[in-house]
PDB file of N, CA and C in Angstrom:
ATOM      1  N   MET A   1       0.820  -1.189   0.000  1.00  0.00           N
ATOM      2  CA  MET A   1       0.000   0.000   0.000  1.00  0.00           C
ATOM      3  C   MET A   1       0.865   1.254   0.000  1.00  0.00           C
ATOM      4  N   ILE A   2       1.869   1.261   0.860  1.00  0.00           N
ATOM      5  CA  ILE A   2       2.713   2.444   0.948  1.00  0.00           C
ATOM      6  C   ILE A   2       3.552   2.590  -0.309  1.00  0.00           C
ATOM      7  N   ILE A   3       3.966   1.457  -0.893  1.00  0.00           N
ATOM      8  CA  ILE A   3       4.677   1.526  -2.173  1.00  0.00           C
ATOM      9  C   ILE A   3       3.724   2.053  -3.237  1.00  0.00           C
ATOM     10  N   GLY A   4       2.499   1.562  -3.229  1.00  0.00           N
ATOM     11  CA  GLY A   4       1.492   2.008  -4.190  1.00  0.00           C
ATOM     12  C   GLY A   4       1.181   3.482  -4.063  1.00  0.00           C
ATOM     13  N   SER A   5       1.180   4.003  -2.846  1.00  0.00           N
ATOM     14  CA  SER A   5       0.897   5.429  -2.666  1.00  0.00           C
ATOM     15  C   SER A   5       1.990   6.284  -3.305  1.00  0.00           C
ATOM     16  N   HIS A   6       3.233   5.807  -3.268  1.00  0.00           N
ATOM     17  CA  HIS A   6       4.314   6.533  -3.937  1.00  0.00           C
ATOM     18  C   HIS A   6       4.049   6.569  -5.439  1.00  0.00           C
ATOM     19  N   GLN A   7       3.655   5.433  -5.981  1.00  0.00           N
ATOM     20  CA  GLN A   7       3.397   5.360  -7.417  1.00  0.00           C
ATOM     21  C   GLN A   7       2.261   6.297  -7.826  1.00  0.00           C
ATOM     22  N   VAL A   8       1.215   6.360  -7.008  1.00  0.00           N
ATOM     23  CA  VAL A   8       0.058   7.194  -7.338  1.00  0.00           C
ATOM     24  C   VAL A   8       0.367   8.672  -7.104  1.00  0.00           C
ATOM     25  N   GLY A   9       1.032   8.978  -6.000  1.00  0.00           N
ATOM     26  CA  GLY A   9       1.184  10.371  -5.605  1.00  0.00           C
ATOM     27  C   GLY A   9       2.388  11.112  -6.099  1.00  0.00           C
ATOM     28  N   LYS A  10       3.403  10.409  -6.589  1.00  0.00           N
ATOM     29  CA  LYS A  10       4.682  11.072  -6.890  1.00  0.00           C
ATOM     30  C   LYS A  10       4.575  12.193  -7.910  1.00  0.00           C
ATOM     31  N   ASP A  11       3.684  12.097  -8.873  1.00  0.00           N
ATOM     32  CA  ASP A  11       3.575  13.118  -9.921  1.00  0.00           C
ATOM     33  C   ASP A  11       2.366  14.039  -9.738  1.00  0.00           C
ATOM     34  N   LYS A  12       1.652  13.857  -8.623  1.00  0.00           N
ATOM     35  CA  LYS A  12       0.472  14.687  -8.369  1.00  0.00           C
ATOM     36  C   LYS A  12       0.877  16.009  -7.738  1.00  0.00           C
ATOM     37  N   VAL A  13       0.060  17.030  -7.954  1.00  0.00           N
ATOM     38  CA  VAL A  13       0.271  18.338  -7.323  1.00  0.00           C
ATOM     39  C   VAL A  13      -1.066  18.845  -6.792  1.00  0.00           C
ATOM     40  N   GLY A  14      -0.976  19.787  -5.895  1.00  0.00           N
ATOM     41  CA  GLY A  14      -2.176  20.443  -5.384  1.00  0.00           C
ATOM     42  C   GLY A  14      -3.149  19.494  -4.708  1.00  0.00           C
ATOM     43  N   ASN A  15      -4.426  19.653  -5.050  1.00  0.00           N
ATOM     44  CA  ASN A  15      -5.490  18.866  -4.433  1.00  0.00           C
ATOM     45  C   ASN A  15      -5.342  17.372  -4.677  1.00  0.00           C
ATOM     46  N   GLU A  16      -4.825  17.018  -5.854  1.00  0.00           N
ATOM     47  CA  GLU A  16      -4.654  15.594  -6.148  1.00  0.00           C
ATOM     48  C   GLU A  16      -3.618  14.975  -5.221  1.00  0.00           C
ATOM     49  N   ARG A  17      -2.525  15.670  -4.989  1.00  0.00           N
ATOM     50  CA  ARG A  17      -1.495  15.166  -4.065  1.00  0.00           C
ATOM     51  C   ARG A  17      -2.036  15.116  -2.638  1.00  0.00           C
ATOM     52  N   GLU A  18      -2.768  16.139  -2.243  1.00  0.00           N
ATOM     53  CA  GLU A  18      -3.366  16.162  -0.908  1.00  0.00           C
ATOM     54  C   GLU A  18      -4.319  14.991  -0.716  1.00  0.00           C
ATOM     55  N   ALA A  19      -5.035  14.621  -1.767  1.00  0.00           N
ATOM     56  CA  ALA A  19      -5.957  13.489  -1.679  1.00  0.00           C
ATOM     57  C   ALA A  19      -5.202  12.195  -1.393  1.00  0.00           C
ATOM     58  N   VAL A  20      -4.070  12.015  -2.067  1.00  0.00           N
ATOM     59  CA  VAL A  20      -3.252  10.821  -1.816  1.00  0.00           C
ATOM     60  C   VAL A  20      -2.689  10.882  -0.401  1.00  0.00           C
ATOM     61  N   GLU A  21      -2.191  12.047   0.010  1.00  0.00           N
ATOM     62  CA  GLU A  21      -1.610  12.200   1.342  1.00  0.00           C
ATOM     63  C   GLU A  21      -2.643  12.040   2.454  1.00  0.00           C
ATOM     64  N   SER A  22      -3.925  12.289   2.149  1.00  0.00           N
ATOM     65  CA  SER A  22      -4.964  12.101   3.165  1.00  0.00           C
ATOM     66  C   SER A  22      -5.174  10.615   3.464  1.00  0.00           C
ATOM     67  N   ILE A  23      -4.763   9.782   2.540  1.00  0.00           N
ATOM     68  CA  ILE A  23      -4.870   8.324   2.731  1.00  0.00           C
ATOM     69  C   ILE A  23      -3.593   7.785   3.353  1.00  0.00           C
ATOM     70  N   VAL A  24      -2.439   8.157   2.787  1.00  0.00           N
ATOM     71  CA  VAL A  24      -1.133   7.727   3.309  1.00  0.00           C
ATOM     72  C   VAL A  24      -0.218   8.949   3.319  1.00  0.00           C
ATOM     73  N   ASN A  25       0.256   9.325   4.495  1.00  0.00           N
ATOM     74  CA  ASN A  25       1.157  10.468   4.640  1.00  0.00           C
ATOM     75  C   ASN A  25       2.364  10.287   3.730  1.00  0.00           C
ATOM     76  N   SER A  26       2.743  11.345   3.029  1.00  0.00           N
ATOM     77  CA  SER A  26       3.851  11.252   2.069  1.00  0.00           C
ATOM     78  C   SER A  26       5.171  10.872   2.728  1.00  0.00           C
ATOM     79  N   LYS A  27       5.316  11.085   4.034  1.00  0.00           N
ATOM     80  CA  LYS A  27       6.526  10.668   4.738  1.00  0.00           C
ATOM     81  C   LYS A  27       6.641   9.153   4.795  1.00  0.00           C
ATOM     82  N   SER A  28       5.525   8.463   4.545  1.00  0.00           N
ATOM     83  CA  SER A  28       5.519   6.996   4.582  1.00  0.00           C
ATOM     84  C   SER A  28       5.641   6.371   3.201  1.00  0.00           C
ATOM     85  N   TRP A  29       5.647   7.186   2.165  1.00  0.00           N
ATOM     86  CA  TRP A  29       5.748   6.645   0.812  1.00  0.00           C
ATOM     87  C   TRP A  29       7.118   6.015   0.624  1.00  0.00           C
ATOM     88  N   ILE A  30       7.130   4.874  -0.050  1.00  0.00           N
ATOM     89  CA  ILE A  30       8.386   4.169  -0.312  1.00  0.00           C
ATOM     90  C   ILE A  30       8.608   4.098  -1.817  1.00  0.00           C
ATOM     91  N   ASP A  31       9.753   4.574  -2.246  1.00  0.00           N
ATOM     92  CA  ASP A  31      10.118   4.523  -3.662  1.00  0.00           C
ATOM     93  C   ASP A  31      10.451   3.072  -4.009  1.00  0.00           C
ATOM     94  N   PRO A  32       9.688   2.449  -4.900  1.00  0.00           N
ATOM     95  CA  PRO A  32       9.926   1.041  -5.217  1.00  0.00           C
ATOM     96  C   PRO A  32      11.285   0.768  -5.856  1.00  0.00           C
ATOM     97  N   ASP A  33      11.930   1.791  -6.372  1.00  0.00           N
ATOM     98  CA  ASP A  33      13.265   1.603  -6.943  1.00  0.00           C
ATOM     99  C   ASP A  33      14.332   1.512  -5.853  1.00  0.00           C
ATOM    100  N   ARG A  34      13.922   1.718  -4.590  1.00  0.00           N
ATOM    101  CA  ARG A  34      14.887   1.682  -3.491  1.00  0.00           C
ATOM    102  C   ARG A  34      14.653   0.512  -2.541  1.00  0.00           C
ATOM    103  N   ILE A  35      13.833  -0.453  -2.954  1.00  0.00           N
ATOM    104  CA  ILE A  35      13.566  -1.605  -2.094  1.00  0.00           C
ATOM    105  C   ILE A  35      13.804  -2.907  -2.845  1.00  0.00           C
ATOM    106  N   SER A  36      13.845  -3.974  -2.087  1.00  0.00           N
ATOM    107  CA  SER A  36      13.857  -5.311  -2.665  1.00  0.00           C
ATOM    108  C   SER A  36      13.081  -6.219  -1.724  1.00  0.00           C
ATOM    109  N   ALA A  37      12.534  -7.273  -2.264  1.00  0.00           N
ATOM    110  CA  ALA A  37      11.810  -8.260  -1.465  1.00  0.00           C
ATOM    111  C   ALA A  37      12.041  -9.615  -2.121  1.00  0.00           C
ATOM    112  N   TYR A  38      12.294 -10.607  -1.294  1.00  0.00           N
ATOM    113  CA  TYR A  38      12.621 -11.933  -1.806  1.00  0.00           C
ATOM    114  C   TYR A  38      11.821 -13.017  -1.099  1.00  0.00           C
ATOM    115  N   PHE A  39      11.525 -14.078  -1.830  1.00  0.00           N
ATOM    116  CA  PHE A  39      10.946 -15.293  -1.287  1.00  0.00           C
ATOM    117  C   PHE A  39      12.094 -16.278  -1.171  1.00  0.00           C
ATOM    118  N   ILE A  40      12.331 -16.744   0.048  1.00  0.00           N
ATOM    119  CA  ILE A  40      13.450 -17.650   0.304  1.00  0.00           C
ATOM    120  C   ILE A  40      12.900 -19.022   0.640  1.00  0.00           C
ATOM    121  N   SER A  41      13.415 -20.038  -0.045  1.00  0.00           N
ATOM    122  CA  SER A  41      12.968 -21.415   0.185  1.00  0.00           C
ATOM    123  C   SER A  41      14.162 -22.354   0.086  1.00  0.00           C
ATOM    124  N   GLU A  42      13.879 -23.647   0.211  1.00  0.00           N
ATOM    125  CA  GLU A  42      14.941 -24.650   0.086  1.00  0.00           C
ATOM    126  C   GLU A  42      15.604 -24.589  -1.290  1.00  0.00           C
ATOM    127  N   ASN A  43      14.877 -24.062  -2.268  1.00  0.00           N
ATOM    128  CA  ASN A  43      15.376 -23.992  -3.640  1.00  0.00           C
ATOM    129  C   ASN A  43      16.170 -22.720  -3.939  1.00  0.00           C
ATOM    130  N   GLY A  44      16.329 -21.865  -2.939  1.00  0.00           N
ATOM    131  CA  GLY A  44      17.050 -20.617  -3.146  1.00  0.00           C
ATOM    132  C   GLY A  44      16.157 -19.426  -2.877  1.00  0.00           C
ATOM    133  N   CYS A  45      16.451 -18.328  -3.536  1.00  0.00           N
ATOM    134  CA  CYS A  45      15.625 -17.138  -3.339  1.00  0.00           C
ATOM    135  C   CYS A  45      15.265 -16.542  -4.696  1.00  0.00           C
ATOM    136  N   GLU A  46      14.112 -15.858  -4.683  1.00  0.00           N
ATOM    137  CA  GLU A  46      13.661 -15.203  -5.909  1.00  0.00           C
ATOM    138  C   GLU A  46      13.066 -13.850  -5.557  1.00  0.00           C
ATOM    139  N   SER A  47      13.275 -12.888  -6.409  1.00  0.00           N
ATOM    140  CA  SER A  47      12.686 -11.572  -6.216  1.00  0.00           C
ATOM    141  C   SER A  47      11.171 -11.683  -6.354  1.00  0.00           C
ATOM    142  N   ILE A  48      10.443 -11.005  -5.467  1.00  0.00           N
ATOM    143  CA  ILE A  48       8.985 -11.016  -5.560  1.00  0.00           C
ATOM    144  C   ILE A  48       8.447  -9.613  -5.875  1.00  0.00           C
ATOM    145  N   ILE A  49       9.289  -8.810  -6.515  1.00  0.00           N
ATOM    146  CA  ILE A  49       8.859  -7.497  -6.985  1.00  0.00           C
ATOM    147  C   ILE A  49       8.364  -7.641  -8.414  1.00  0.00           C
ATOM    148  N   ASP A  50       7.143  -7.181  -8.656  1.00  0.00           N
ATOM    149  CA  ASP A  50       6.618  -7.133 -10.016  1.00  0.00           C
ATOM    150  C   ASP A  50       7.268  -5.928 -10.688  1.00  0.00           C
ATOM    151  N   GLU A  51       8.163  -6.178 -11.621  1.00  0.00           N
ATOM    152  CA  GLU A  51       8.947  -5.106 -12.245  1.00  0.00           C
ATOM    153  C   GLU A  51       8.077  -4.138 -13.046  1.00  0.00           C
ATOM    154  N   GLU A  52       6.984  -4.619 -13.598  1.00  0.00           N
ATOM    155  CA  GLU A  52       6.113  -3.745 -14.379  1.00  0.00           C
ATOM    156  C   GLU A  52       5.292  -2.831 -13.470  1.00  0.00           C
ATOM    157  N   LEU A  53       4.683  -3.408 -12.434  1.00  0.00           N
ATOM    158  CA  LEU A  53       3.830  -2.637 -11.537  1.00  0.00           C
ATOM    159  C   LEU A  53       4.597  -1.962 -10.403  1.00  0.00           C
ATOM    160  N   LYS A  54       5.836  -2.430 -10.153  1.00  0.00           N
ATOM    161  CA  LYS A  54       6.665  -1.906  -9.065  1.00  0.00           C
ATOM    162  C   LYS A  54       6.009  -2.135  -7.704  1.00  0.00           C
ATOM    163  N   LEU A  55       5.393  -3.302  -7.551  1.00  0.00           N
ATOM    164  CA  LEU A  55       4.757  -3.690  -6.301  1.00  0.00           C
ATOM    165  C   LEU A  55       5.249  -5.069  -5.886  1.00  0.00           C
ATOM    166  N   ILE A  56       5.130  -5.370  -4.590  1.00  0.00           N
ATOM    167  CA  ILE A  56       5.456  -6.713  -4.113  1.00  0.00           C
ATOM    168  C   ILE A  56       4.292  -7.631  -4.490  1.00  0.00           C
ATOM    169  N   LYS A  57       4.615  -8.786  -5.029  1.00  0.00           N
ATOM    170  CA  LYS A  57       3.592  -9.731  -5.469  1.00  0.00           C
ATOM    171  C   LYS A  57       2.868 -10.316  -4.257  1.00  0.00           C
ATOM    172  N   ALA A  58       1.602  -9.945  -4.090  1.00  0.00           N
ATOM    173  CA  ALA A  58       0.814 -10.366  -2.925  1.00  0.00           C
ATOM    174  C   ALA A  58       0.680 -11.881  -2.858  1.00  0.00           C
ATOM    175  N   GLU A  59       0.595 -12.536  -3.998  1.00  0.00           N
ATOM    176  CA  GLU A  59       0.427 -13.996  -3.986  1.00  0.00           C
ATOM    177  C   GLU A  59       1.645 -14.698  -3.395  1.00  0.00           C
ATOM    178  N   LYS A  60       2.812 -14.087  -3.522  1.00  0.00           N
ATOM    179  CA  LYS A  60       4.024 -14.669  -2.918  1.00  0.00           C
ATOM    180  C   LYS A  60       3.992 -14.516  -1.402  1.00  0.00           C
ATOM    181  N   ILE A  61       3.478 -13.389  -0.918  1.00  0.00           N
ATOM    182  CA  ILE A  61       3.328 -13.205   0.527  1.00  0.00           C
ATOM    183  C   ILE A  61       2.311 -14.205   1.064  1.00  0.00           C
ATOM    184  N   ASP A  62       1.210 -14.385   0.344  1.00  0.00           N
ATOM    185  CA  ASP A  62       0.199 -15.367   0.743  1.00  0.00           C
ATOM    186  C   ASP A  62       0.788 -16.767   0.783  1.00  0.00           C
ATOM    187  N   SER A  63       1.605 -17.092  -0.188  1.00  0.00           N
ATOM    188  CA  SER A  63       2.251 -18.400  -0.244  1.00  0.00           C
ATOM    189  C   SER A  63       3.165 -18.601   0.956  1.00  0.00           C
ATOM    190  N   ALA A  64       3.936 -17.579   1.311  1.00  0.00           N
ATOM    191  CA  ALA A  64       4.827 -17.672   2.463  1.00  0.00           C
ATOM    192  C   ALA A  64       4.021 -17.861   3.743  1.00  0.00           C
ATOM    193  N   SER A  65       2.922 -17.141   3.870  1.00  0.00           N
ATOM    194  CA  SER A  65       2.065 -17.291   5.054  1.00  0.00           C
ATOM    195  C   SER A  65       1.514 -18.701   5.148  1.00  0.00           C
ATOM    196  N   SER A  66       1.109 -19.247   4.029  1.00  0.00           N
ATOM    197  CA  SER A  66       0.576 -20.605   3.996  1.00  0.00           C
ATOM    198  C   SER A  66       1.637 -21.621   4.423  1.00  0.00           C
ATOM    199  N   ILE A  67       2.847 -21.463   3.920  1.00  0.00           N
ATOM    200  CA  ILE A  67       3.947 -22.371   4.283  1.00  0.00           C
ATOM    201  C   ILE A  67       4.226 -22.287   5.780  1.00  0.00           C
ATOM    202  N   ILE A  68       4.282 -21.082   6.314  1.00  0.00           N
ATOM    203  CA  ILE A  68       4.547 -20.900   7.747  1.00  0.00           C
ATOM    204  C   ILE A  68       3.433 -21.540   8.577  1.00  0.00           C
ATOM    205  N   ASN A  69       2.185 -21.307   8.185  1.00  0.00           N
ATOM    206  CA  ASN A  69       1.061 -21.905   8.915  1.00  0.00           C
ATOM    207  C   ASN A  69       1.113 -23.424   8.878  1.00  0.00           C
ATOM    208  N   ASN A  70       1.439 -23.988   7.735  1.00  0.00           N
ATOM    209  CA  ASN A  70       1.524 -25.450   7.624  1.00  0.00           C
ATOM    210  C   ASN A  70       2.628 -26.005   8.518  1.00  0.00           C
ATOM    211  N   LYS A  71       3.773 -25.341   8.545  1.00  0.00           N
ATOM    212  CA  LYS A  71       4.878 -25.784   9.407  1.00  0.00           C
ATOM    213  C   LYS A  71       4.477 -25.702  10.878  1.00  0.00           C
ATOM    214  N   PHE A  72       3.807 -24.604  11.253  1.00  0.00           N
ATOM    215  CA  PHE A  72       3.352 -24.451  12.622  1.00  0.00           C
ATOM    216  C   PHE A  72       2.378 -25.572  12.992  1.00  0.00           C
ATOM    217  N   ASN A  73       1.429 -25.851  12.100  1.00  0.00           N
ATOM    218  CA  ASN A  73       0.462 -26.923  12.357  1.00  0.00           C
ATOM    219  C   ASN A  73       1.147 -28.265  12.500  1.00  0.00           C
ATOM    220  N   ASP A  74       2.147 -28.530  11.658  1.00  0.00           N
ATOM    221  CA  ASP A  74       2.905 -29.785  11.762  1.00  0.00           C
ATOM    222  C   ASP A  74       3.581 -29.886  13.125  1.00  0.00           C
ATOM    223  N   LEU A  75       4.193 -28.809  13.586  1.00  0.00           N
ATOM    224  CA  LEU A  75       4.842 -28.794  14.889  1.00  0.00           C
ATOM    225  C   LEU A  75       3.827 -28.953  16.022  1.00  0.00           C
ATOM    226  N   PHE A  76       2.714 -28.261  15.904  1.00  0.00           N
ATOM    227  CA  PHE A  76       1.653 -28.330  16.922  1.00  0.00           C
ATOM    228  C   PHE A  76       1.122 -29.750  17.030  1.00  0.00           C
ATOM    229  N   ASN A  77       0.945 -30.426  15.885  1.00  0.00           N
ATOM    230  CA  ASN A  77       0.436 -31.789  15.875  1.00  0.00           C
ATOM    231  C   ASN A  77       1.415 -32.782  16.512  1.00  0.00           C
ATOM    232  N   LEU A  78       2.695 -32.496  16.468  1.00  0.00           N
ATOM    233  CA  LEU A  78       3.688 -33.363  17.104  1.00  0.00           C
ATOM    234  C   LEU A  78       3.586 -33.302  18.622  1.00  0.00           C
ATOM    235  N   ASP A  79       3.056 -32.192  19.133  1.00  0.00           N
ATOM    236  CA  ASP A  79       2.975 -31.994  20.564  1.00  0.00           C
ATOM    237  C   ASP A  79       1.779 -32.718  21.195  1.00  0.00           C
ATOM    238  N   ASP A  80       0.916 -33.297  20.398  1.00  0.00           N
ATOM    239  CA  ASP A  80      -0.274 -33.996  20.921  1.00  0.00           C
ATOM    240  C   ASP A  80       0.066 -35.296  21.575  1.00  0.00           C
TER     241      ASP A  80
END
């Protein structure tokens, strides 16, 4: 979201910029050209930045959450 606000607001002026800033303060905007995000697995790591949209791929975050939840459940089940 904060990366997206940079993309939407960076070229806006006046009321249009204020509208973006009313949703996310411009001090919180993150320039996507200054970040990186990776999915790390047994197979190595891969960038999860969509180069065209300049956003982090949400489906990769969802996948990581699913993997973590499954591992937690496996561990929890061992404790029974």
